[in-house]
Amino acid sequence: MSITYILLGANLGDRIAQMSKALNELCLKAGTLIRCSSLYETQAWGKEDAPLYVNQVICMDTAFDPQSLLKLIHEIEGKLGRTREVKWGSRLIDIDILFYGDAVINDPNLIIPHPYLDQRKFTLVPLVEIAGDLIHPVLHKSMQELLDNLDDPLAVNKLQSDTN
């Protein structure tokens, strides 16, 4: 089993319902949920004229290897209506692997740790909520340190506390 941190996001349709469906699918198919952050409403990063997102970071224990987990995630996204048309475009659901244990993977279809996580407030704020002391295996800094040194002006506002 391996500990993995996953980012969920949605900015189309009933965002909170989509997040809930994605979380349920991951819990049913990917492994055991250890903890999850609150939900956050966030401005879009990279395409700032897009509708606001709802984001959440979860921590799971999974038996899947990274490539198999990515395949499962793509299947879940497809089941929930995700289409891949425009980079950083609006979407019904987006599920990204942030960390997979201490693994460093640089494959054409999978980069772990997620290549932009240290630049994105919408990722770091919920990640710090559940794993502020987690050390980035490449940058050798904690998530809290990365957030403290982040220069990202986009708004990240807590919507609700998680009840899990």
Foldseek 3Di string as FASTA:
>chain_A
DWKWKKKKKAFDDPQVVLSVQLVVLCCVPFAHWDDKWFWKWWAQPPPRVGGIMIMMMTIGDGPDDPVVNVVSSVVSQVVQPFDDDDVSHHTGMDMATQAIHLDADDDPVDGPNPPCQLADPQNLVNCCVPFQQDANNPVRHGSVVSNVPYDDPIDIGGDDGDPD
